[in-house]
PDB file of N, CA and C in Angstrom:
ATOM      1  N   MET A   1     -24.329  16.856  -3.214  1.00  0.00           N
ATOM      2  CA  MET A   1     -23.434  15.721  -3.323  1.00  0.00           C
ATOM      3  C   MET A   1     -22.864  15.420  -1.933  1.00  0.00           C
ATOM      4  N   PRO A   2     -22.945  14.184  -1.474  1.00  0.00           N
ATOM      5  CA  PRO A   2     -22.399  13.851  -0.157  1.00  0.00           C
ATOM      6  C   PRO A   2     -20.871  13.894  -0.172  1.00  0.00           C
ATOM      7  N   LYS A   3     -20.305  14.326   0.931  1.00  0.00           N
ATOM      8  CA  LYS A   3     -18.847  14.402   1.047  1.00  0.00           C
ATOM      9  C   LYS A   3     -18.292  13.064   1.525  1.00  0.00           C
ATOM     10  N   LEU A   4     -17.039  12.800   1.164  1.00  0.00           N
ATOM     11  CA  LEU A   4     -16.372  11.589   1.617  1.00  0.00           C
ATOM     12  C   LEU A   4     -15.992  11.713   3.084  1.00  0.00           C
ATOM     13  N   ASP A   5     -16.047  10.621   3.798  1.00  0.00           N
ATOM     14  CA  ASP A   5     -15.659  10.610   5.202  1.00  0.00           C
ATOM     15  C   ASP A   5     -14.141  10.495   5.295  1.00  0.00           C
ATOM     16  N   ARG A   6     -13.473  11.596   5.564  1.00  0.00           N
ATOM     17  CA  ARG A   6     -12.012  11.611   5.597  1.00  0.00           C
ATOM     18  C   ARG A   6     -11.455  11.086   6.918  1.00  0.00           C
ATOM     19  N   THR A   7     -12.304  10.810   7.888  1.00  0.00           N
ATOM     20  CA  THR A   7     -11.841  10.313   9.172  1.00  0.00           C
ATOM     21  C   THR A   7     -11.777   8.796   9.206  1.00  0.00           C
ATOM     22  N   TYR A   8     -12.255   8.110   8.156  1.00  0.00           N
ATOM     23  CA  TYR A   8     -12.295   6.650   8.138  1.00  0.00           C
ATOM     24  C   TYR A   8     -10.892   6.059   8.080  1.00  0.00           C
ATOM     25  N   SER A   9     -10.046   6.597   7.226  1.00  0.00           N
ATOM     26  CA  SER A   9      -8.706   6.066   7.030  1.00  0.00           C
ATOM     27  C   SER A   9      -7.734   6.735   8.006  1.00  0.00           C
ATOM     28  N   THR A  10      -6.755   5.966   8.460  1.00  0.00           N
ATOM     29  CA  THR A  10      -5.738   6.511   9.360  1.00  0.00           C
ATOM     30  C   THR A  10      -4.357   6.230   8.795  1.00  0.00           C
ATOM     31  N   SER A  11      -3.373   6.962   9.235  1.00  0.00           N
ATOM     32  CA  SER A  11      -2.014   6.731   8.764  1.00  0.00           C
ATOM     33  C   SER A  11      -1.388   5.566   9.525  1.00  0.00           C
ATOM     34  N   SER A  12      -0.391   4.956   8.904  1.00  0.00           N
ATOM     35  CA  SER A  12       0.297   3.839   9.549  1.00  0.00           C
ATOM     36  C   SER A  12       1.714   3.758   8.998  1.00  0.00           C
ATOM     37  N   ASN A  13       2.462   2.741   9.417  1.00  0.00           N
ATOM     38  CA  ASN A  13       3.801   2.552   8.883  1.00  0.00           C
ATOM     39  C   ASN A  13       3.834   1.288   8.020  1.00  0.00           C
ATOM     40  N   LEU A  14       4.995   0.923   7.525  1.00  0.00           N
ATOM     41  CA  LEU A  14       5.107  -0.224   6.621  1.00  0.00           C
ATOM     42  C   LEU A  14       4.795  -1.559   7.287  1.00  0.00           C
ATOM     43  N   PHE A  15       4.948  -1.636   8.582  1.00  0.00           N
ATOM     44  CA  PHE A  15       4.800  -2.918   9.259  1.00  0.00           C
ATOM     45  C   PHE A  15       3.377  -3.175   9.764  1.00  0.00           C
ATOM     46  N   GLU A  16       2.539  -2.160   9.714  1.00  0.00           N
ATOM     47  CA  GLU A  16       1.144  -2.326  10.106  1.00  0.00           C
ATOM     48  C   GLU A  16       0.274  -2.333   8.861  1.00  0.00           C
ATOM     49  N   GLN A  17      -0.599  -3.312   8.748  1.00  0.00           N
ATOM     50  CA  GLN A  17      -1.526  -3.334   7.626  1.00  0.00           C
ATOM     51  C   GLN A  17      -2.914  -3.017   8.148  1.00  0.00           C
ATOM     52  N   LYS A  18      -3.473  -1.961   7.640  1.00  0.00           N
ATOM     53  CA  LYS A  18      -4.814  -1.570   8.022  1.00  0.00           C
ATOM     54  C   LYS A  18      -5.811  -2.368   7.201  1.00  0.00           C
ATOM     55  N   GLU A  19      -7.056  -2.362   7.629  1.00  0.00           N
ATOM     56  CA  GLU A  19      -8.066  -3.140   6.916  1.00  0.00           C
ATOM     57  C   GLU A  19      -8.363  -2.573   5.525  1.00  0.00           C
ATOM     58  N   GLU A  20      -8.023  -1.303   5.268  1.00  0.00           N
ATOM     59  CA  GLU A  20      -8.239  -0.723   3.948  1.00  0.00           C
ATOM     60  C   GLU A  20      -7.315  -1.350   2.900  1.00  0.00           C
ATOM     61  N   VAL A  21      -6.180  -1.892   3.321  1.00  0.00           N
ATOM     62  CA  VAL A  21      -5.173  -2.429   2.414  1.00  0.00           C
ATOM     63  C   VAL A  21      -5.588  -3.787   1.849  1.00  0.00           C
ATOM     64  N   VAL A  22      -6.423  -4.504   2.552  1.00  0.00           N
ATOM     65  CA  VAL A  22      -6.786  -5.872   2.178  1.00  0.00           C
ATOM     66  C   VAL A  22      -7.352  -5.941   0.760  1.00  0.00           C
ATOM     67  N   HIS A  23      -8.093  -4.936   0.341  1.00  0.00           N
ATOM     68  CA  HIS A  23      -8.721  -4.940  -0.979  1.00  0.00           C
ATOM     69  C   HIS A  23      -7.703  -4.820  -2.114  1.00  0.00           C
ATOM     70  N   TYR A  24      -6.521  -4.296  -1.830  1.00  0.00           N
ATOM     71  CA  TYR A  24      -5.537  -4.010  -2.868  1.00  0.00           C
ATOM     72  C   TYR A  24      -4.362  -4.978  -2.888  1.00  0.00           C
ATOM     73  N   LEU A  25      -4.350  -5.993  -2.034  1.00  0.00           N
ATOM     74  CA  LEU A  25      -3.184  -6.863  -1.904  1.00  0.00           C
ATOM     75  C   LEU A  25      -2.850  -7.636  -3.171  1.00  0.00           C
ATOM     76  N   GLY A  26      -3.818  -8.142  -3.910  1.00  0.00           N
ATOM     77  CA  GLY A  26      -3.533  -8.936  -5.093  1.00  0.00           C
ATOM     78  C   GLY A  26      -3.452  -8.143  -6.380  1.00  0.00           C
ATOM     79  N   MET A  27      -3.582  -6.843  -6.299  1.00  0.00           N
ATOM     80  CA  MET A  27      -3.642  -6.007  -7.508  1.00  0.00           C
ATOM     81  C   MET A  27      -2.256  -5.589  -7.978  1.00  0.00           C
ATOM     82  N   SER A  28      -2.161  -5.378  -9.282  1.00  0.00           N
ATOM     83  CA  SER A  28      -0.912  -4.846  -9.847  1.00  0.00           C
ATOM     84  C   SER A  28      -0.907  -3.321  -9.686  1.00  0.00           C
ATOM     85  N   LYS A  29       0.217  -2.708 -10.001  1.00  0.00           N
ATOM     86  CA  LYS A  29       0.320  -1.257  -9.884  1.00  0.00           C
ATOM     87  C   LYS A  29      -0.626  -0.552 -10.847  1.00  0.00           C
ATOM     88  N   VAL A  30      -0.832  -1.134 -12.018  1.00  0.00           N
ATOM     89  CA  VAL A  30      -1.734  -0.539 -13.012  1.00  0.00           C
ATOM     90  C   VAL A  30      -3.173  -0.562 -12.503  1.00  0.00           C
ATOM     91  N   GLU A  31      -3.576  -1.669 -11.904  1.00  0.00           N
ATOM     92  CA  GLU A  31      -4.935  -1.774 -11.369  1.00  0.00           C
ATOM     93  C   GLU A  31      -5.154  -0.806 -10.215  1.00  0.00           C
ATOM     94  N   ILE A  32      -4.156  -0.659  -9.363  1.00  0.00           N
ATOM     95  CA  ILE A  32      -4.258   0.286  -8.247  1.00  0.00           C
ATOM     96  C   ILE A  32      -4.330   1.715  -8.783  1.00  0.00           C
ATOM     97  N   ALA A  33      -3.601   2.012  -9.840  1.00  0.00           N
ATOM     98  CA  ALA A  33      -3.646   3.347 -10.445  1.00  0.00           C
ATOM     99  C   ALA A  33      -5.034   3.637 -11.014  1.00  0.00           C
ATOM    100  N   LYS A  34      -5.691   2.629 -11.591  1.00  0.00           N
ATOM    101  CA  LYS A  34      -7.050   2.820 -12.116  1.00  0.00           C
ATOM    102  C   LYS A  34      -8.041   3.085 -10.982  1.00  0.00           C
ATOM    103  N   VAL A  35      -7.883   2.382  -9.878  1.00  0.00           N
ATOM    104  CA  VAL A  35      -8.747   2.614  -8.716  1.00  0.00           C
ATOM    105  C   VAL A  35      -8.511   4.022  -8.175  1.00  0.00           C
ATOM    106  N   PHE A  36      -7.257   4.433  -8.087  1.00  0.00           N
ATOM    107  CA  PHE A  36      -6.910   5.770  -7.605  1.00  0.00           C
ATOM    108  C   PHE A  36      -7.503   6.846  -8.512  1.00  0.00           C
ATOM    109  N   ALA A  37      -7.427   6.649  -9.829  1.00  0.00           N
ATOM    110  CA  ALA A  37      -7.992   7.614 -10.773  1.00  0.00           C
ATOM    111  C   ALA A  37      -9.506   7.708 -10.604  1.00  0.00           C
ATOM    112  N   TYR A  38     -10.160   6.567 -10.402  1.00  0.00           N
ATOM    113  CA  TYR A  38     -11.608   6.570 -10.202  1.00  0.00           C
ATOM    114  C   TYR A  38     -11.986   7.305  -8.914  1.00  0.00           C
ATOM    115  N   LEU A  39     -11.279   7.000  -7.827  1.00  0.00           N
ATOM    116  CA  LEU A  39     -11.595   7.649  -6.558  1.00  0.00           C
ATOM    117  C   LEU A  39     -11.342   9.159  -6.613  1.00  0.00           C
ATOM    118  N   ASN A  40     -10.303   9.579  -7.326  1.00  0.00           N
ATOM    119  CA  ASN A  40     -10.054  11.014  -7.504  1.00  0.00           C
ATOM    120  C   ASN A  40     -11.179  11.667  -8.288  1.00  0.00           C
ATOM    121  N   SER A  41     -11.654  10.992  -9.350  1.00  0.00           N
ATOM    122  CA  SER A  41     -12.721  11.580 -10.160  1.00  0.00           C
ATOM    123  C   SER A  41     -14.004  11.717  -9.358  1.00  0.00           C
ATOM    124  N   VAL A  42     -14.276  10.759  -8.473  1.00  0.00           N
ATOM    125  CA  VAL A  42     -15.473  10.837  -7.633  1.00  0.00           C
ATOM    126  C   VAL A  42     -15.323  11.927  -6.581  1.00  0.00           C
ATOM    127  N   SER A  43     -14.174  11.980  -5.931  1.00  0.00           N
ATOM    128  CA  SER A  43     -14.008  12.943  -4.845  1.00  0.00           C
ATOM    129  C   SER A  43     -13.917  14.382  -5.334  1.00  0.00           C
ATOM    130  N   TYR A  44     -13.362  14.613  -6.530  1.00  0.00           N
ATOM    131  CA  TYR A  44     -13.244  15.978  -7.052  1.00  0.00           C
ATOM    132  C   TYR A  44     -14.278  16.292  -8.119  1.00  0.00           C
ATOM    133  N   ASN A  45     -15.214  15.361  -8.357  1.00  0.00           N
ATOM    134  CA  ASN A  45     -16.378  15.587  -9.213  1.00  0.00           C
ATOM    135  C   ASN A  45     -16.011  15.988 -10.655  1.00  0.00           C
ATOM    136  N   TYR A  46     -15.238  15.138 -11.317  1.00  0.00           N
ATOM    137  CA  TYR A  46     -14.987  15.323 -12.736  1.00  0.00           C
ATOM    138  C   TYR A  46     -15.167  13.984 -13.436  1.00  0.00           C
ATOM    139  N   ALA A  47     -15.335  14.023 -14.759  1.00  0.00           N
ATOM    140  CA  ALA A  47     -15.559  12.806 -15.534  1.00  0.00           C
ATOM    141  C   ALA A  47     -14.288  11.959 -15.542  1.00  0.00           C
ATOM    142  N   LEU A  48     -14.454  10.661 -15.399  1.00  0.00           N
ATOM    143  CA  LEU A  48     -13.313   9.747 -15.374  1.00  0.00           C
ATOM    144  C   LEU A  48     -12.554   9.827 -16.691  1.00  0.00           C
ATOM    145  N   GLY A  49     -11.263  10.039 -16.627  1.00  0.00           N
ATOM    146  CA  GLY A  49     -10.436  10.148 -17.823  1.00  0.00           C
ATOM    147  C   GLY A  49     -10.275  11.567 -18.323  1.00  0.00           C
ATOM    148  N   TYR A  50     -11.001  12.512 -17.741  1.00  0.00           N
ATOM    149  CA  TYR A  50     -10.930  13.915 -18.163  1.00  0.00           C
ATOM    150  C   TYR A  50     -10.699  14.813 -16.943  1.00  0.00           C
ATOM    151  N   PRO A  51      -9.513  14.736 -16.331  1.00  0.00           N
ATOM    152  CA  PRO A  51      -9.257  15.583 -15.158  1.00  0.00           C
ATOM    153  C   PRO A  51      -9.200  17.057 -15.560  1.00  0.00           C
ATOM    154  N   PRO A  52      -9.519  17.952 -14.650  1.00  0.00           N
ATOM    155  CA  PRO A  52      -9.480  19.381 -14.979  1.00  0.00           C
ATOM    156  C   PRO A  52      -8.049  19.849 -15.227  1.00  0.00           C
ATOM    157  N   LYS A  53      -7.919  20.837 -16.083  1.00  0.00           N
ATOM    158  CA  LYS A  53      -6.605  21.410 -16.381  1.00  0.00           C
ATOM    159  C   LYS A  53      -6.182  22.330 -15.234  1.00  0.00           C
ATOM    160  N   MET A  54      -4.897  22.355 -14.960  1.00  0.00           N
ATOM    161  CA  MET A  54      -4.379  23.220 -13.918  1.00  0.00           C
ATOM    162  C   MET A  54      -4.320  24.654 -14.423  1.00  0.00           C
ATOM    163  N   ASP A  55      -4.765  25.600 -13.611  1.00  0.00           N
ATOM    164  CA  ASP A  55      -4.713  27.013 -13.955  1.00  0.00           C
ATOM    165  C   ASP A  55      -3.305  27.509 -13.675  1.00  0.00           C
ATOM    166  N   LYS A  56      -2.508  27.629 -14.724  1.00  0.00           N
ATOM    167  CA  LYS A  56      -1.107  28.023 -14.559  1.00  0.00           C
ATOM    168  C   LYS A  56      -0.934  29.527 -14.432  1.00  0.00           C
ATOM    169  N   ALA A  57      -2.005  30.295 -14.630  1.00  0.00           N
ATOM    170  CA  ALA A  57      -1.919  31.748 -14.511  1.00  0.00           C
ATOM    171  C   ALA A  57      -1.634  32.149 -13.068  1.00  0.00           C
ATOM    172  N   ALA A  58      -2.046  31.335 -12.106  1.00  0.00           N
ATOM    173  CA  ALA A  58      -1.807  31.660 -10.698  1.00  0.00           C
ATOM    174  C   ALA A  58      -0.322  31.617 -10.355  1.00  0.00           C
ATOM    175  N   PHE A  59       0.456  30.882 -11.136  1.00  0.00           N
ATOM    176  CA  PHE A  59       1.892  30.734 -10.866  1.00  0.00           C
ATOM    177  C   PHE A  59       2.755  31.575 -11.807  1.00  0.00           C
ATOM    178  N   SER A  60       2.134  32.397 -12.611  1.00  0.00           N
ATOM    179  CA  SER A  60       2.864  33.199 -13.595  1.00  0.00           C
ATOM    180  C   SER A  60       3.639  34.313 -12.901  1.00  0.00           C
ATOM    181  N   MET A  61       4.853  34.564 -13.390  1.00  0.00           N
ATOM    182  CA  MET A  61       5.684  35.628 -12.840  1.00  0.00           C
ATOM    183  C   MET A  61       5.533  36.923 -13.644  1.00  0.00           C
ATOM    184  N   ARG A  62       4.791  36.892 -14.733  1.00  0.00           N
ATOM    185  CA  ARG A  62       4.603  38.081 -15.567  1.00  0.00           C
ATOM    186  C   ARG A  62       3.630  39.039 -14.883  1.00  0.00           C
ATOM    187  N   LYS A  63       3.863  40.320 -15.112  1.00  0.00           N
ATOM    188  CA  LYS A  63       2.959  41.322 -14.537  1.00  0.00           C
ATOM    189  C   LYS A  63       2.405  42.218 -15.573  1.00  0.00           C
TER     190      LYS A  63
END
């Protein structure tokens, strides 16, 4: 599986608009959330709508 290019996007402040933002300007928050969910599913390789469960045993204080 090819890896995503993490060097493409750069950080900025509120007053600078990068070219990545242009695609999301007319979208509502719900639509942006759907795009974010899709991109997460692709980058972490899980089925859309079925994210993996968090392993809470790693944070358990019981011994």
